[in-house]
Amino acid sequence: MSLPLAFSYQKIDADGIEINCAVAGSGPPLLLLHGYPQTHAIWHHVAPALAADYTVVLTDLRGYGDSAKPAPTAGDHEYSKRAMARDQLLVMRSLGFDRFGLVGHDRGGRVAHRLALDSPEAVSKLAVLDIVPTRHTFENADLAFGLGYFHWFFLAAGNGIPERLIGGDPEFWITARMNARHHGGSAFDPAAMREYIRCFSDPAAIAASCADYRAAAGVDLAHDRADTGRRLAMPLLALWGEHGFVGGNYDVLTVWSEYAADVRGRALPCDHYLPEEQPALVVESLRDFFADTTDCT
C-alpha cells in the first residue's frame, strides 16, 4: 500500500545496503521503525497525523519490505541489531539529520534501542512500543514466555526449518500471527495486510527475518550483555498493549528503568499492534512525548 501523496519515496544507500524510505512533513525529524512481520506500512494511520508537525521518516528495516535483503551467513551478523541500527543512522544522516526523535515497534523497537546505545548523540528521545529489552526477555524466560513467544524460538531454529515451513504458506503465517495478537481497537486494514503478505512472500524476506531472530539469540545477546549496567540518558517512552503478553507479564516501566534513566509510559487498550489497533492514542502519546523536541537538526 502507498501512504498519502505527501510522502515521497526513495531508496537510500546505507553503505551498500539499500533502504526503502518515505518522508513527509516539516519540523523536527522523527524516525519510525516497524516490527515483524510488517513494513513501514504499519504507520499508515500514525505517520500522516504526525507529519503535520514533524518531518516523519519511515523505513523498511534491512531484510523487510522493499529494503535490501543480504543473504545470511554463519553468525547472522548481517541481521544484528547493531548492523540494522547503523543502516537507520546512515539514512538519517543522508537526509541531513544528525539528531532526531526515534520510535520503534516490536523488532523496530529493538533496533531503536541498539541505535540509542551505540549512537546516543543522535537520538534526542526514544519511544518503544510493546517491548522490554531483549536481554531481559531471554534472562527471565519461563513457560509463559516460551508459549507466548514461541515464534522467537521457532524462527531462530536452524537447518532451514522455519524458512521451509513459512515458505509453504506465507499468507497463512502472517494472518495467523497477526490475528492472534490483536485485541480491541481498529481492525487491520486489508490493504496493509496485502502489503505485508506481498513483501513476506519473497523467500529472501523469510530468510532475512529468521536471521533477525537468530541474531537476537546470538550476536545481539552478546552485544546486550556487554552493555550490562549501561542506562540510556535520553528520555524514553514505553507504550504497550494492556491485553498483550508484554503488559500481562512484565512491570514494563520498572524493567525499562533498569536500562534508561528517564522513563515514562502507559498501557493502551489493545494487544500488540498499537499503531494499527489504537492509532489515535499512539499519535496522542507521541505528540505529548516529542512536543518539546526542538534540538534536532
C-alpha atoms as a PDB file:
ATOM      1  CA  MET A   1       0.000   0.000   0.000  1.00  0.00           C
ATOM      2  CA  SER A   2       1.096   3.582  -0.560  1.00  0.00           C
ATOM      3  CA  LEU A   3       0.918   6.320   2.010  1.00  0.00           C
ATOM      4  CA  PRO A   4      -0.700   9.671   1.097  1.00  0.00           C
ATOM      5  CA  LEU A   5       0.880  11.525  -1.795  1.00  0.00           C
ATOM      6  CA  ALA A   6       2.595  13.910   0.638  1.00  0.00           C
ATOM      7  CA  PHE A   7       5.056  11.082   1.377  1.00  0.00           C
ATOM      8  CA  SER A   8       7.903  10.941  -1.093  1.00  0.00           C
ATOM      9  CA  TYR A   9       9.654   7.603  -1.618  1.00  0.00           C
ATOM     10  CA  GLN A  10      13.311   6.990  -2.274  1.00  0.00           C
ATOM     11  CA  LYS A  11      15.932   4.281  -1.883  1.00  0.00           C
ATOM     12  CA  ILE A  12      18.909   5.357   0.223  1.00  0.00           C
ATOM     13  CA  ASP A  13      22.286   3.637   0.050  1.00  0.00           C
ATOM     14  CA  ALA A  14      23.361   2.900   3.613  1.00  0.00           C
ATOM     15  CA  ASP A  15      26.937   1.799   2.984  1.00  0.00           C
ATOM     16  CA  GLY A  16      25.920  -0.749   0.376  1.00  0.00           C
ATOM     17  CA  ILE A  17      22.535  -1.652   1.872  1.00  0.00           C
ATOM     18  CA  GLU A  18      19.602  -0.086   0.013  1.00  0.00           C
ATOM     19  CA  ILE A  19      16.931   1.079   2.451  1.00  0.00           C
ATOM     20  CA  ASN A  20      13.406   1.889   1.297  1.00  0.00           C
ATOM     21  CA  CYS A  21      12.329   5.201   2.775  1.00  0.00           C
ATOM     22  CA  ALA A  22       9.271   7.512   2.801  1.00  0.00           C
ATOM     23  CA  VAL A  23       9.399  11.106   4.038  1.00  0.00           C
ATOM     24  CA  ALA A  24       6.768  13.796   4.641  1.00  0.00           C
ATOM     25  CA  GLY A  25       6.129  16.859   6.741  1.00  0.00           C
ATOM     26  CA  SER A  26       8.319  19.555   8.223  1.00  0.00           C
ATOM     27  CA  GLY A  27       9.682  20.338  11.632  1.00  0.00           C
ATOM     28  CA  PRO A  28      11.797  18.229  13.996  1.00  0.00           C
ATOM     29  CA  PRO A  29      12.708  14.851  12.467  1.00  0.00           C
ATOM     30  CA  LEU A  30      11.117  11.630  13.713  1.00  0.00           C
ATOM     31  CA  LEU A  31      12.255   8.201  12.509  1.00  0.00           C
ATOM     32  CA  LEU A  32       9.629   5.449  12.846  1.00  0.00           C
ATOM     33  CA  LEU A  33      10.698   1.797  12.671  1.00  0.00           C
ATOM     34  CA  HIS A  34       8.305  -1.113  12.125  1.00  0.00           C
ATOM     35  CA  GLY A  35       8.323  -4.621  13.577  1.00  0.00           C
ATOM     36  CA  TYR A  36       7.759  -8.215  12.499  1.00  0.00           C
ATOM     37  CA  PRO A  37       6.196  -9.247  10.173  1.00  0.00           C
ATOM     38  CA  GLN A  38       5.358  -5.807   8.814  1.00  0.00           C
ATOM     39  CA  THR A  39       6.838  -2.971   6.815  1.00  0.00           C
ATOM     40  CA  HIS A  40       6.709   0.807   7.152  1.00  0.00           C
ATOM     41  CA  ALA A  41       3.015   0.455   6.236  1.00  0.00           C
ATOM     42  CA  ILE A  42       2.236  -0.251   9.908  1.00  0.00           C
ATOM     43  CA  TRP A  43       2.386   3.538  10.397  1.00  0.00           C
ATOM     44  CA  HIS A  44      -0.270   4.275   7.749  1.00  0.00           C
ATOM     45  CA  HIS A  45      -2.616   5.849  10.336  1.00  0.00           C
ATOM     46  CA  VAL A  46       0.024   7.385  12.597  1.00  0.00           C
ATOM     47  CA  ALA A  47       2.533   8.882  10.166  1.00  0.00           C
ATOM     48  CA  PRO A  48       0.214  11.282   8.273  1.00  0.00           C
ATOM     49  CA  ALA A  49      -1.027  12.745  11.570  1.00  0.00           C
ATOM     50  CA  LEU A  50       2.500  13.268  12.901  1.00  0.00           C
ATOM     51  CA  ALA A  51       3.628  14.800   9.595  1.00  0.00           C
ATOM     52  CA  ALA A  52       1.547  17.880  10.418  1.00  0.00           C
ATOM     53  CA  ASP A  53       4.198  18.876  12.972  1.00  0.00           C
ATOM     54  CA  TYR A  54       7.282  16.772  12.268  1.00  0.00           C
ATOM     55  CA  THR A  55       9.451  15.613   9.424  1.00  0.00           C
ATOM     56  CA  VAL A  56       8.417  11.964   9.517  1.00  0.00           C
ATOM     57  CA  VAL A  57      10.799   9.364   8.134  1.00  0.00           C
ATOM     58  CA  LEU A  58       9.550   5.812   7.604  1.00  0.00           C
ATOM     59  CA  THR A  59      11.805   2.990   6.509  1.00  0.00           C
ATOM     60  CA  ASP A  60      11.682  -0.707   5.842  1.00  0.00           C
ATOM     61  CA  LEU A  61      14.287  -2.385   8.013  1.00  0.00           C
ATOM     62  CA  ARG A  62      17.077  -4.323   6.354  1.00  0.00           C
ATOM     63  CA  GLY A  63      15.576  -7.657   5.309  1.00  0.00           C
ATOM     64  CA  TYR A  64      11.990  -6.400   5.302  1.00  0.00           C
ATOM     65  CA  GLY A  65       9.612  -4.717   2.894  1.00  0.00           C
ATOM     66  CA  ASP A  66      11.355  -3.258  -0.140  1.00  0.00           C
ATOM     67  CA  SER A  67      14.742  -2.789   1.511  1.00  0.00           C
ATOM     68  CA  ALA A  68      17.787  -4.897   0.656  1.00  0.00           C
ATOM     69  CA  LYS A  69      17.922  -8.462   1.954  1.00  0.00           C
ATOM     70  CA  PRO A  70      21.534  -9.626   2.132  1.00  0.00           C
ATOM     71  CA  ALA A  71      21.865 -13.396   2.372  1.00  0.00           C
ATOM     72  CA  PRO A  72      22.529 -14.520   5.950  1.00  0.00           C
ATOM     73  CA  THR A  73      25.864 -16.107   6.755  1.00  0.00           C
ATOM     74  CA  ALA A  74      27.110 -18.045   9.789  1.00  0.00           C
ATOM     75  CA  GLY A  75      26.555 -15.996  12.924  1.00  0.00           C
ATOM     76  CA  ASP A  76      23.854 -13.853  11.279  1.00  0.00           C
ATOM     77  CA  HIS A  77      25.892 -10.679  11.769  1.00  0.00           C
ATOM     78  CA  GLU A  78      24.139  -9.181   8.740  1.00  0.00           C
ATOM     79  CA  TYR A  79      20.998  -9.041  10.886  1.00  0.00           C
ATOM     80  CA  SER A  80      22.462  -7.975  14.189  1.00  0.00           C
ATOM     81  CA  LYS A  81      20.566  -5.037  15.639  1.00  0.00           C
ATOM     82  CA  ARG A  82      23.854  -3.152  15.555  1.00  0.00           C
ATOM     83  CA  ALA A  83      24.065  -3.535  11.760  1.00  0.00           C
ATOM     84  CA  MET A  84      20.365  -2.743  11.313  1.00  0.00           C
ATOM     85  CA  ALA A  85      20.662   0.314  13.569  1.00  0.00           C
ATOM     86  CA  ARG A  86      23.633   1.606  11.589  1.00  0.00           C
ATOM     87  CA  ASP A  87      21.524   1.443   8.424  1.00  0.00           C
ATOM     88  CA  GLN A  88      18.988   3.737  10.029  1.00  0.00           C
ATOM     89  CA  LEU A  89      21.611   6.163  11.319  1.00  0.00           C
ATOM     90  CA  LEU A  90      23.091   6.439   7.825  1.00  0.00           C
ATOM     91  CA  VAL A  91      19.636   7.017   6.316  1.00  0.00           C
ATOM     92  CA  MET A  92      19.010   9.918   8.669  1.00  0.00           C
ATOM     93  CA  ARG A  93      22.432  11.400   8.008  1.00  0.00           C
ATOM     94  CA  SER A  94      21.805  11.088   4.269  1.00  0.00           C
ATOM     95  CA  LEU A  95      18.591  13.069   4.746  1.00  0.00           C
ATOM     96  CA  GLY A  96      20.516  15.752   6.634  1.00  0.00           C
ATOM     97  CA  PHE A  97      19.515  14.811  10.188  1.00  0.00           C
ATOM     98  CA  ASP A  98      22.327  14.249  12.665  1.00  0.00           C
ATOM     99  CA  ARG A  99      19.941  14.219  15.642  1.00  0.00           C
ATOM    100  CA  PHE A 100      16.351  13.018  15.694  1.00  0.00           C
ATOM    101  CA  GLY A 101      13.488  11.538  17.669  1.00  0.00           C
ATOM    102  CA  LEU A 102      13.187   7.769  17.362  1.00  0.00           C
ATOM    103  CA  VAL A 103      10.167   5.446  17.593  1.00  0.00           C
ATOM    104  CA  GLY A 104      10.259   1.667  17.245  1.00  0.00           C
ATOM    105  CA  HIS A 105       7.603  -1.031  17.434  1.00  0.00           C
ATOM    106  CA  ASP A 106       8.458  -4.687  18.064  1.00  0.00           C
ATOM    107  CA  ARG A 107      11.698  -5.550  16.182  1.00  0.00           C
ATOM    108  CA  GLY A 108      11.986  -1.905  15.246  1.00  0.00           C
ATOM    109  CA  GLY A 109      11.999  -1.110  18.952  1.00  0.00           C
ATOM    110  CA  ARG A 110      14.966  -3.431  19.424  1.00  0.00           C
ATOM    111  CA  VAL A 111      16.801  -1.772  16.538  1.00  0.00           C
ATOM    112  CA  ALA A 112      15.945   1.609  18.056  1.00  0.00           C
ATOM    113  CA  HIS A 113      17.243   0.567  21.487  1.00  0.00           C
ATOM    114  CA  ARG A 114      20.540  -0.533  19.938  1.00  0.00           C
ATOM    115  CA  LEU A 115      20.784   2.673  17.888  1.00  0.00           C
ATOM    116  CA  ALA A 116      20.317   4.733  21.066  1.00  0.00           C
ATOM    117  CA  LEU A 117      23.008   2.691  22.844  1.00  0.00           C
ATOM    118  CA  ASP A 118      25.525   2.879  20.006  1.00  0.00           C
ATOM    119  CA  SER A 119      24.850   6.482  18.928  1.00  0.00           C
ATOM    120  CA  PRO A 120      23.308   8.340  21.876  1.00  0.00           C
ATOM    121  CA  GLU A 121      24.374  11.673  20.446  1.00  0.00           C
ATOM    122  CA  ALA A 122      21.997  11.103  17.514  1.00  0.00           C
ATOM    123  CA  VAL A 123      18.834  10.309  19.492  1.00  0.00           C
ATOM    124  CA  SER A 124      17.052  13.136  21.277  1.00  0.00           C
ATOM    125  CA  LYS A 125      14.247  10.932  22.645  1.00  0.00           C
ATOM    126  CA  LEU A 126      13.317   7.268  22.260  1.00  0.00           C
ATOM    127  CA  ALA A 127       9.844   5.679  22.193  1.00  0.00           C
ATOM    128  CA  VAL A 128       9.493   1.884  22.264  1.00  0.00           C
ATOM    129  CA  LEU A 129       6.188   0.140  21.551  1.00  0.00           C
ATOM    130  CA  ASP A 130       5.245  -3.170  23.176  1.00  0.00           C
ATOM    131  CA  ILE A 131       8.683  -4.467  24.086  1.00  0.00           C
ATOM    132  CA  VAL A 132      11.001  -4.852  27.021  1.00  0.00           C
ATOM    133  CA  PRO A 133      14.741  -5.211  26.330  1.00  0.00           C
ATOM    134  CA  THR A 134      15.912  -8.363  24.596  1.00  0.00           C
ATOM    135  CA  ARG A 135      18.377  -9.270  27.343  1.00  0.00           C
ATOM    136  CA  HIS A 136      15.637  -9.063  29.959  1.00  0.00           C
ATOM    137  CA  THR A 137      13.316 -11.336  27.991  1.00  0.00           C
ATOM    138  CA  PHE A 138      15.891 -14.078  27.487  1.00  0.00           C
ATOM    139  CA  GLU A 139      17.295 -13.912  31.008  1.00  0.00           C
ATOM    140  CA  ASN A 140      13.804 -14.130  32.506  1.00  0.00           C
ATOM    141  CA  ALA A 141      12.276 -16.627  30.074  1.00  0.00           C
ATOM    142  CA  ASP A 142       9.826 -19.105  31.565  1.00  0.00           C
ATOM    143  CA  LEU A 143       6.962 -21.342  30.457  1.00  0.00           C
ATOM    144  CA  ALA A 144       4.681 -18.374  29.792  1.00  0.00           C
ATOM    145  CA  PHE A 145       7.334 -16.770  27.592  1.00  0.00           C
ATOM    146  CA  GLY A 146       8.004 -19.997  25.729  1.00  0.00           C
ATOM    147  CA  LEU A 147       4.323 -20.409  24.911  1.00  0.00           C
ATOM    148  CA  GLY A 148       3.501 -16.755  24.293  1.00  0.00           C
ATOM    149  CA  TYR A 149       6.638 -16.027  22.263  1.00  0.00           C
ATOM    150  CA  PHE A 150       7.147 -19.456  20.709  1.00  0.00           C
ATOM    151  CA  HIS A 151       7.953 -17.759  17.411  1.00  0.00           C
ATOM    152  CA  TRP A 152      11.223 -16.410  18.874  1.00  0.00           C
ATOM    153  CA  PHE A 153      12.490 -19.993  19.167  1.00  0.00           C
ATOM    154  CA  PHE A 154      10.817 -21.316  16.022  1.00  0.00           C
ATOM    155  CA  LEU A 155      12.254 -18.552  13.829  1.00  0.00           C
ATOM    156  CA  ALA A 156      15.691 -18.970  15.394  1.00  0.00           C
ATOM    157  CA  ALA A 157      15.809 -22.684  14.587  1.00  0.00           C
ATOM    158  CA  GLY A 158      18.486 -23.689  12.114  1.00  0.00           C
ATOM    159  CA  ASN A 159      18.708 -26.100   9.204  1.00  0.00           C
ATOM    160  CA  GLY A 160      16.214 -24.177   7.092  1.00  0.00           C
ATOM    161  CA  ILE A 161      13.244 -25.435   9.121  1.00  0.00           C
ATOM    162  CA  PRO A 162      11.278 -22.203   9.639  1.00  0.00           C
ATOM    163  CA  GLU A 163      12.151 -20.946   6.161  1.00  0.00           C
ATOM    164  CA  ARG A 164      10.728 -24.072   4.531  1.00  0.00           C
ATOM    165  CA  LEU A 165       7.587 -24.203   6.674  1.00  0.00           C
ATOM    166  CA  ILE A 166       6.734 -20.487   6.386  1.00  0.00           C
ATOM    167  CA  GLY A 167       7.560 -20.502   2.681  1.00  0.00           C
ATOM    168  CA  GLY A 168       4.912 -23.165   2.122  1.00  0.00           C
ATOM    169  CA  ASP A 169       2.123 -20.723   3.016  1.00  0.00           C
ATOM    170  CA  PRO A 170       3.378 -17.240   3.983  1.00  0.00           C
ATOM    171  CA  GLU A 171      -0.120 -15.748   3.833  1.00  0.00           C
ATOM    172  CA  PHE A 172      -1.339 -18.175   6.492  1.00  0.00           C
ATOM    173  CA  TRP A 173       1.676 -17.436   8.715  1.00  0.00           C
ATOM    174  CA  ILE A 174       1.218 -13.652   8.506  1.00  0.00           C
ATOM    175  CA  THR A 175      -2.516 -13.627   9.092  1.00  0.00           C
ATOM    176  CA  ALA A 176      -2.382 -16.254  11.852  1.00  0.00           C
ATOM    177  CA  ARG A 177       0.389 -14.493  13.777  1.00  0.00           C
ATOM    178  CA  MET A 178      -1.187 -11.063  13.486  1.00  0.00           C
ATOM    179  CA  ASN A 179      -4.765 -12.098  14.246  1.00  0.00           C
ATOM    180  CA  ALA A 180      -3.577 -13.985  17.319  1.00  0.00           C
ATOM    181  CA  ARG A 181      -2.115 -10.762  18.742  1.00  0.00           C
ATOM    182  CA  HIS A 182      -4.978  -8.335  18.091  1.00  0.00           C
ATOM    183  CA  HIS A 183      -7.454  -7.342  20.804  1.00  0.00           C
ATOM    184  CA  GLY A 184      -9.535  -4.161  20.696  1.00  0.00           C
ATOM    185  CA  GLY A 185      -9.447  -1.022  18.618  1.00  0.00           C
ATOM    186  CA  SER A 186      -9.299  -0.832  14.850  1.00  0.00           C
ATOM    187  CA  ALA A 187      -9.208  -3.883  12.628  1.00  0.00           C
ATOM    188  CA  PHE A 188      -6.211  -4.438  10.377  1.00  0.00           C
ATOM    189  CA  ASP A 189      -6.530  -2.559   7.115  1.00  0.00           C
ATOM    190  CA  PRO A 190      -6.911  -5.098   4.268  1.00  0.00           C
ATOM    191  CA  ALA A 191      -4.556  -3.086   2.063  1.00  0.00           C
ATOM    192  CA  ALA A 192      -1.884  -3.149   4.767  1.00  0.00           C
ATOM    193  CA  MET A 193      -2.316  -6.891   5.196  1.00  0.00           C
ATOM    194  CA  ARG A 194      -1.919  -7.400   1.448  1.00  0.00           C
ATOM    195  CA  GLU A 195       1.293  -5.371   1.588  1.00  0.00           C
ATOM    196  CA  TYR A 196       2.717  -7.451   4.438  1.00  0.00           C
ATOM    197  CA  ILE A 197       1.863 -10.658   2.585  1.00  0.00           C
ATOM    198  CA  ARG A 198       3.347  -9.347  -0.678  1.00  0.00           C
ATOM    199  CA  CYS A 199       6.635  -8.484   0.948  1.00  0.00           C
ATOM    200  CA  PHE A 200       6.821 -11.601   3.093  1.00  0.00           C
ATOM    201  CA  SER A 201       6.146 -13.890   0.145  1.00  0.00           C
ATOM    202  CA  ASP A 202       9.706 -13.210  -1.017  1.00  0.00           C
ATOM    203  CA  PRO A 203      11.901 -16.146   0.143  1.00  0.00           C
ATOM    204  CA  ALA A 204      14.716 -13.653   0.789  1.00  0.00           C
ATOM    205  CA  ALA A 205      12.488 -11.807   3.265  1.00  0.00           C
ATOM    206  CA  ILE A 206      11.631 -15.046   5.079  1.00  0.00           C
ATOM    207  CA  ALA A 207      15.325 -15.961   5.296  1.00  0.00           C
ATOM    208  CA  ALA A 208      16.243 -12.477   6.495  1.00  0.00           C
ATOM    209  CA  SER A 209      13.577 -12.414   9.179  1.00  0.00           C
ATOM    210  CA  CYS A 210      14.703 -15.796  10.523  1.00  0.00           C
ATOM    211  CA  ALA A 211      18.265 -14.463  10.623  1.00  0.00           C
ATOM    212  CA  ASP A 212      16.940 -11.435  12.534  1.00  0.00           C
ATOM    213  CA  TYR A 213      15.594 -13.752  15.256  1.00  0.00           C
ATOM    214  CA  ARG A 214      18.686 -15.972  15.278  1.00  0.00           C
ATOM    215  CA  ALA A 215      20.794 -12.858  15.738  1.00  0.00           C
ATOM    216  CA  ALA A 216      18.637 -11.869  18.718  1.00  0.00           C
ATOM    217  CA  ALA A 217      19.531 -15.097  20.497  1.00  0.00           C
ATOM    218  CA  GLY A 218      23.184 -14.897  19.448  1.00  0.00           C
ATOM    219  CA  VAL A 219      25.181 -11.843  18.466  1.00  0.00           C
ATOM    220  CA  ASP A 220      22.582  -9.375  19.771  1.00  0.00           C
ATOM    221  CA  LEU A 221      22.506 -11.035  23.162  1.00  0.00           C
ATOM    222  CA  ALA A 222      26.300 -10.858  23.306  1.00  0.00           C
ATOM    223  CA  HIS A 223      26.191  -7.139  22.485  1.00  0.00           C
ATOM    224  CA  ASP A 224      23.456  -6.551  25.056  1.00  0.00           C
ATOM    225  CA  ARG A 225      25.327  -8.411  27.789  1.00  0.00           C
ATOM    226  CA  ALA A 226      28.433  -6.366  27.033  1.00  0.00           C
ATOM    227  CA  ASP A 227      26.325  -3.289  27.780  1.00  0.00           C
ATOM    228  CA  THR A 228      25.008  -4.603  31.112  1.00  0.00           C
ATOM    229  CA  GLY A 229      24.729  -1.718  33.539  1.00  0.00           C
ATOM    230  CA  ARG A 230      24.554   0.984  30.867  1.00  0.00           C
ATOM    231  CA  ARG A 231      21.469   3.187  31.069  1.00  0.00           C
ATOM    232  CA  LEU A 232      20.242   5.464  28.313  1.00  0.00           C
ATOM    233  CA  ALA A 233      20.338   9.125  29.264  1.00  0.00           C
ATOM    234  CA  MET A 234      17.755  10.426  26.777  1.00  0.00           C
ATOM    235  CA  PRO A 235      14.046  10.381  27.771  1.00  0.00           C
ATOM    236  CA  LEU A 236      12.333   7.083  26.989  1.00  0.00           C
ATOM    237  CA  LEU A 237       8.627   6.499  26.424  1.00  0.00           C
ATOM    238  CA  ALA A 238       7.293   2.946  26.690  1.00  0.00           C
ATOM    239  CA  LEU A 239       3.826   2.127  25.352  1.00  0.00           C
ATOM    240  CA  TRP A 240       2.319  -1.343  25.487  1.00  0.00           C
ATOM    241  CA  GLY A 241      -0.952  -3.160  24.959  1.00  0.00           C
ATOM    242  CA  GLU A 242      -2.833  -3.944  28.143  1.00  0.00           C
ATOM    243  CA  HIS A 243      -4.193  -7.143  26.549  1.00  0.00           C
ATOM    244  CA  GLY A 244      -0.840  -8.336  25.213  1.00  0.00           C
ATOM    245  CA  PHE A 245       1.955 -10.544  26.507  1.00  0.00           C
ATOM    246  CA  VAL A 246       4.216  -7.642  27.440  1.00  0.00           C
ATOM    247  CA  GLY A 247       1.568  -5.906  29.521  1.00  0.00           C
ATOM    248  CA  GLY A 248       0.473  -9.136  31.159  1.00  0.00           C
ATOM    249  CA  ASN A 249       3.903 -10.487  32.054  1.00  0.00           C
ATOM    250  CA  TYR A 250       6.193  -7.563  32.850  1.00  0.00           C
ATOM    251  CA  ASP A 251       6.186  -4.468  35.020  1.00  0.00           C
ATOM    252  CA  VAL A 252       7.143  -2.539  31.917  1.00  0.00           C
ATOM    253  CA  LEU A 253       8.229   0.775  33.432  1.00  0.00           C
ATOM    254  CA  THR A 254      10.225  -0.915  36.179  1.00  0.00           C
ATOM    255  CA  VAL A 255      12.039  -3.108  33.660  1.00  0.00           C
ATOM    256  CA  TRP A 256      12.886  -0.194  31.397  1.00  0.00           C
ATOM    257  CA  SER A 257      14.087   1.824  34.393  1.00  0.00           C
ATOM    258  CA  GLU A 258      16.974  -0.637  34.651  1.00  0.00           C
ATOM    259  CA  TYR A 259      18.010   0.342  31.115  1.00  0.00           C
ATOM    260  CA  ALA A 260      17.197   4.061  30.976  1.00  0.00           C
ATOM    261  CA  ALA A 261      17.380   6.920  33.450  1.00  0.00           C
ATOM    262  CA  ASP A 262      14.256   8.828  32.415  1.00  0.00           C
ATOM    263  CA  VAL A 263      11.309   6.510  31.739  1.00  0.00           C
ATOM    264  CA  ARG A 264       7.624   7.172  31.396  1.00  0.00           C
ATOM    265  CA  GLY A 265       4.746   5.437  29.614  1.00  0.00           C
ATOM    266  CA  ARG A 266       1.385   3.726  29.767  1.00  0.00           C
ATOM    267  CA  ALA A 267      -0.695   0.818  28.573  1.00  0.00           C
ATOM    268  CA  LEU A 268      -3.153   1.247  25.724  1.00  0.00           C
ATOM    269  CA  PRO A 269      -6.402  -0.744  25.302  1.00  0.00           C
ATOM    270  CA  CYS A 270      -5.190  -3.206  22.677  1.00  0.00           C
ATOM    271  CA  ASP A 271      -2.824  -6.111  22.124  1.00  0.00           C
ATOM    272  CA  HIS A 272       0.485  -5.979  20.260  1.00  0.00           C
ATOM    273  CA  TYR A 273      -0.095  -3.854  17.155  1.00  0.00           C
ATOM    274  CA  LEU A 274      -0.542  -0.459  18.797  1.00  0.00           C
ATOM    275  CA  PRO A 275      -0.104   1.712  15.675  1.00  0.00           C
ATOM    276  CA  GLU A 276      -2.873  -0.194  13.896  1.00  0.00           C
ATOM    277  CA  GLU A 277      -5.180  -1.068  16.798  1.00  0.00           C
ATOM    278  CA  GLN A 278      -5.067   2.295  18.628  1.00  0.00           C
ATOM    279  CA  PRO A 279      -3.536   4.819  16.209  1.00  0.00           C
ATOM    280  CA  ALA A 280      -5.208   7.884  17.746  1.00  0.00           C
ATOM    281  CA  LEU A 281      -3.837   7.069  21.203  1.00  0.00           C
ATOM    282  CA  VAL A 282      -0.402   6.357  19.765  1.00  0.00           C
ATOM    283  CA  VAL A 283      -0.411   9.725  17.995  1.00  0.00           C
ATOM    284  CA  GLU A 284      -1.541  11.474  21.164  1.00  0.00           C
ATOM    285  CA  SER A 285       1.159   9.789  23.246  1.00  0.00           C
ATOM    286  CA  LEU A 286       3.918  10.520  20.730  1.00  0.00           C
ATOM    287  CA  ARG A 287       2.833  14.136  20.324  1.00  0.00           C
ATOM    288  CA  ASP A 288       2.931  14.660  24.076  1.00  0.00           C
ATOM    289  CA  PHE A 289       6.321  12.973  24.407  1.00  0.00           C
ATOM    290  CA  PHE A 290       8.046  14.704  21.495  1.00  0.00           C
ATOM    291  CA  ALA A 291       6.304  18.070  21.979  1.00  0.00           C
ATOM    292  CA  ASP A 292       9.411  19.899  23.223  1.00  0.00           C
ATOM    293  CA  THR A 293      11.810  18.255  20.767  1.00  0.00           C
ATOM    294  CA  THR A 294      13.425  21.392  19.410  1.00  0.00           C
ATOM    295  CA  ASP A 295      17.119  20.469  19.461  1.00  0.00           C
ATOM    296  CA  CYS A 296      17.054  18.275  16.352  1.00  0.00           C
ATOM    297  CA  THR A 297      18.658  19.383  13.108  1.00  0.00           C
END
